[in-house]
Amino acid sequence: MALNKLQQLDQNSAGVTLPKDDLRLEGLLDENGEIDGEHHVHIRHVDDGEWTLELVGEIDGE
């Protein structure tokens, strides 16, 4: 199991990095390994210490 460090982003948020290999498998990277386009993720707190991430196809108004 790979572990990723929780990082402070600013006063109001923290983040976890996603491995590029996983992003590549989802087709989210271009040929240069950069994020291809704009993508949004819905994050849900499921239980103590458990979250889910879901790639969202379109955002209302965009």
Protein backbone atom coordinates (compact mmCIF):
# COMPACT_ATOMS: atom_id res chain seq x y z
CA MET A 1 0.00 0.00 0.00
CA ALA A 2 1.43 3.36 -1.06
CA LEU A 3 1.25 6.15 1.50
CA ASN A 4 0.90 9.83 0.64
CA LYS A 5 1.69 12.68 3.01
CA LEU A 6 -1.03 15.10 4.07
CA GLN A 7 0.28 18.62 3.37
CA GLN A 8 -0.80 22.08 4.59
CA LEU A 9 -1.82 24.14 1.51
CA ASP A 10 -2.98 27.33 3.22
CA GLN A 11 -4.78 28.40 6.40
CA ASN A 12 -8.04 26.78 5.29
CA SER A 13 -7.04 23.63 3.46
CA ALA A 14 -4.71 20.66 3.21
CA GLY A 15 -3.97 18.33 0.32
CA VAL A 16 -2.71 14.91 -0.69
CA THR A 17 -0.82 14.34 -3.94
CA LEU A 18 -2.08 11.79 -6.45
CA PRO A 19 0.55 9.66 -8.21
CA LYS A 20 0.99 10.54 -11.88
CA ASP A 21 0.83 6.85 -12.80
CA ASP A 22 -2.73 6.75 -11.44
CA LEU A 23 -3.65 9.98 -13.24
CA ARG A 24 -2.18 8.57 -16.46
CA LEU A 25 -4.34 5.44 -16.12
CA GLU A 26 -7.42 7.70 -15.90
CA GLY A 27 -6.34 9.55 -19.07
CA LEU A 28 -5.88 12.85 -17.24
CA LEU A 29 -2.31 13.57 -18.40
CA ASP A 30 -1.05 14.72 -21.79
CA GLU A 31 1.97 13.30 -23.63
CA ASN A 32 4.27 15.52 -21.51
CA GLY A 33 2.93 14.18 -18.22
CA GLU A 34 1.03 17.40 -17.48
CA ILE A 35 -2.65 17.58 -16.49
CA ASP A 36 -4.63 17.68 -19.74
CA GLY A 37 -7.47 20.18 -19.44
CA GLU A 38 -9.46 21.16 -16.38
CA HIS A 39 -10.85 18.48 -14.08
CA HIS A 40 -12.89 18.59 -10.88
CA VAL A 41 -13.05 16.01 -8.11
CA HIS A 42 -15.84 15.54 -5.57
CA ILE A 43 -14.45 14.54 -2.17
CA ARG A 44 -16.75 12.90 0.38
CA HIS A 45 -15.99 12.18 4.01
CA VAL A 46 -17.32 8.63 4.44
CA ASP A 47 -16.28 7.63 7.97
CA ASP A 48 -13.56 8.25 10.54
CA GLY A 49 -10.33 8.41 8.55
CA GLU A 50 -12.04 7.51 5.24
CA TRP A 51 -12.79 9.66 2.19
CA THR A 52 -13.79 8.93 -1.40
CA LEU A 53 -12.75 10.85 -4.51
CA GLU A 54 -14.89 10.95 -7.63
CA LEU A 55 -13.93 12.59 -10.91
CA VAL A 56 -16.81 14.83 -11.99
CA GLY A 57 -17.61 15.10 -15.70
CA GLU A 58 -19.06 18.60 -15.80
CA ILE A 59 -19.70 21.37 -13.32
CA ASP A 60 -22.97 23.35 -13.58
CA GLY A 61 -22.36 26.67 -15.30
CA GLU A 62 -19.10 25.64 -16.96
